[in-house]
């Protein structure tokens, strides 16, 4: 199984999002467990040289939850929490 197909097995993670993860060295779902979604999003933005769409953070939050065994939810389920998190940063 190629690395990308492992990440794209997560709900909300398509090829484009998998490439953002790969740019920061995340190639396997297992690497997401225990990680801080905001930190991952910030690393993705830095790797791209620009602030990425905040909705990407919703997807990262979903991916981390799934990697930690929580149920898959649509990315927009995370929008209220993402707004709270970014308001603190």
C-alpha atoms as a PDB file:
ATOM      1  CA  UNK A   1       0.000   0.000   0.000  1.00  0.00           C
ATOM      2  CA  UNK A   2       1.447   3.370  -0.938  1.00  0.00           C
ATOM      3  CA  UNK A   3       1.683   6.063   1.719  1.00  0.00           C
ATOM      4  CA  UNK A   4      -0.911   8.335   0.150  1.00  0.00           C
ATOM      5  CA  UNK A   5      -3.540   5.602   0.007  1.00  0.00           C
ATOM      6  CA  UNK A   6      -3.154   5.110   3.776  1.00  0.00           C
ATOM      7  CA  UNK A   7      -3.950   8.769   4.501  1.00  0.00           C
ATOM      8  CA  UNK A   8      -6.717   8.975   1.929  1.00  0.00           C
ATOM      9  CA  UNK A   9      -8.452   6.119   3.695  1.00  0.00           C
ATOM     10  CA  UNK A  10      -9.482   8.674   6.314  1.00  0.00           C
ATOM     11  CA  UNK A  11     -12.798  10.459   5.930  1.00  0.00           C
ATOM     12  CA  UNK A  12     -12.268  14.017   4.621  1.00  0.00           C
ATOM     13  CA  UNK A  13      -8.680  13.325   3.432  1.00  0.00           C
ATOM     14  CA  UNK A  14      -8.293  13.325  -0.322  1.00  0.00           C
ATOM     15  CA  UNK A  15      -5.141  13.443  -2.411  1.00  0.00           C
ATOM     16  CA  UNK A  16      -4.636  17.199  -1.958  1.00  0.00           C
ATOM     17  CA  UNK A  17      -4.857  17.024   1.838  1.00  0.00           C
ATOM     18  CA  UNK A  18      -2.625  13.937   1.858  1.00  0.00           C
ATOM     19  CA  UNK A  19      -0.012  16.007  -0.003  1.00  0.00           C
ATOM     20  CA  UNK A  20      -0.162  18.704   2.712  1.00  0.00           C
ATOM     21  CA  UNK A  21       0.500  16.005   5.318  1.00  0.00           C
ATOM     22  CA  UNK A  22       3.338  14.566   3.246  1.00  0.00           C
ATOM     23  CA  UNK A  23       4.998  17.990   2.985  1.00  0.00           C
ATOM     24  CA  UNK A  24       5.471  17.912   6.762  1.00  0.00           C
ATOM     25  CA  UNK A  25       6.611  14.300   6.889  1.00  0.00           C
ATOM     26  CA  UNK A  26       3.296  12.627   7.731  1.00  0.00           C
ATOM     27  CA  UNK A  27       2.847   9.653   5.435  1.00  0.00           C
ATOM     28  CA  UNK A  28       0.946   7.186   7.630  1.00  0.00           C
ATOM     29  CA  UNK A  29      -2.259   7.479   9.662  1.00  0.00           C
ATOM     30  CA  UNK A  30      -0.418   6.172  12.724  1.00  0.00           C
ATOM     31  CA  UNK A  31       1.807   9.277  12.701  1.00  0.00           C
ATOM     32  CA  UNK A  32      -1.217  11.463  13.455  1.00  0.00           C
ATOM     33  CA  UNK A  33      -2.125   9.898  16.792  1.00  0.00           C
ATOM     34  CA  UNK A  34      -1.252  12.144  19.709  1.00  0.00           C
ATOM     35  CA  UNK A  35      -0.419  15.129  17.521  1.00  0.00           C
ATOM     36  CA  UNK A  36      -1.709  18.668  18.002  1.00  0.00           C
ATOM     37  CA  UNK A  37      -3.914  19.541  14.993  1.00  0.00           C
ATOM     38  CA  UNK A  38      -3.166  23.283  15.278  1.00  0.00           C
ATOM     39  CA  UNK A  39       0.572  22.586  15.270  1.00  0.00           C
ATOM     40  CA  UNK A  40       0.207  20.341  12.201  1.00  0.00           C
ATOM     41  CA  UNK A  41      -1.830  23.021  10.417  1.00  0.00           C
ATOM     42  CA  UNK A  42       0.778  25.676  11.278  1.00  0.00           C
ATOM     43  CA  UNK A  43       3.546  23.399   9.953  1.00  0.00           C
ATOM     44  CA  UNK A  44       1.586  22.876   6.729  1.00  0.00           C
ATOM     45  CA  UNK A  45       1.147  26.622   6.300  1.00  0.00           C
ATOM     46  CA  UNK A  46       4.865  27.209   6.930  1.00  0.00           C
ATOM     47  CA  UNK A  47       5.830  24.481   4.470  1.00  0.00           C
ATOM     48  CA  UNK A  48       3.680  26.155   1.812  1.00  0.00           C
ATOM     49  CA  UNK A  49       4.949  29.644   2.615  1.00  0.00           C
ATOM     50  CA  UNK A  50       1.478  31.026   3.228  1.00  0.00           C
ATOM     51  CA  UNK A  51      -1.440  30.788   5.625  1.00  0.00           C
ATOM     52  CA  UNK A  52      -3.615  27.961   4.339  1.00  0.00           C
ATOM     53  CA  UNK A  53      -7.403  27.922   4.358  1.00  0.00           C
ATOM     54  CA  UNK A  54      -8.534  27.535   7.987  1.00  0.00           C
ATOM     55  CA  UNK A  55     -10.987  24.837   6.882  1.00  0.00           C
ATOM     56  CA  UNK A  56      -7.928  22.641   6.358  1.00  0.00           C
ATOM     57  CA  UNK A  57      -7.541  22.681  10.135  1.00  0.00           C
ATOM     58  CA  UNK A  58     -11.035  21.182  10.414  1.00  0.00           C
ATOM     59  CA  UNK A  59      -9.842  18.302   8.230  1.00  0.00           C
ATOM     60  CA  UNK A  60      -6.639  17.905  10.238  1.00  0.00           C
ATOM     61  CA  UNK A  61      -8.673  17.759  13.454  1.00  0.00           C
ATOM     62  CA  UNK A  62     -10.860  15.065  11.910  1.00  0.00           C
ATOM     63  CA  UNK A  63      -7.825  13.074  10.752  1.00  0.00           C
ATOM     64  CA  UNK A  64      -6.181  13.175  14.185  1.00  0.00           C
ATOM     65  CA  UNK A  65      -9.437  12.071  15.836  1.00  0.00           C
ATOM     66  CA  UNK A  66      -9.725   9.133  13.455  1.00  0.00           C
ATOM     67  CA  UNK A  67      -6.077   8.167  13.990  1.00  0.00           C
ATOM     68  CA  UNK A  68      -6.811   8.085  17.719  1.00  0.00           C
ATOM     69  CA  UNK A  69      -9.785   5.773  17.228  1.00  0.00           C
ATOM     70  CA  UNK A  70     -12.604   8.287  17.456  1.00  0.00           C
ATOM     71  CA  UNK A  71     -15.448   8.110  14.920  1.00  0.00           C
ATOM     72  CA  UNK A  72     -15.131   9.737  11.524  1.00  0.00           C
ATOM     73  CA  UNK A  73     -17.133  12.941  11.301  1.00  0.00           C
ATOM     74  CA  UNK A  74     -17.565  15.438   8.457  1.00  0.00           C
ATOM     75  CA  UNK A  75     -14.948  18.198   8.503  1.00  0.00           C
ATOM     76  CA  UNK A  76     -17.540  20.902   9.214  1.00  0.00           C
ATOM     77  CA  UNK A  77     -18.318  19.228  12.542  1.00  0.00           C
ATOM     78  CA  UNK A  78     -14.970  20.682  13.694  1.00  0.00           C
ATOM     79  CA  UNK A  79     -15.555  24.281  12.555  1.00  0.00           C
ATOM     80  CA  UNK A  80     -16.828  25.642  15.923  1.00  0.00           C
ATOM     81  CA  UNK A  81     -13.934  24.035  17.802  1.00  0.00           C
ATOM     82  CA  UNK A  82     -11.432  25.298  15.208  1.00  0.00           C
ATOM     83  CA  UNK A  83     -12.734  28.835  15.619  1.00  0.00           C
ATOM     84  CA  UNK A  84     -12.265  28.591  19.387  1.00  0.00           C
ATOM     85  CA  UNK A  85      -8.759  27.184  18.996  1.00  0.00           C
ATOM     86  CA  UNK A  86      -7.633  29.850  16.536  1.00  0.00           C
ATOM     87  CA  UNK A  87      -9.077  32.614  18.686  1.00  0.00           C
ATOM     88  CA  UNK A  88      -6.634  31.517  21.421  1.00  0.00           C
ATOM     89  CA  UNK A  89      -3.580  31.460  19.124  1.00  0.00           C
END
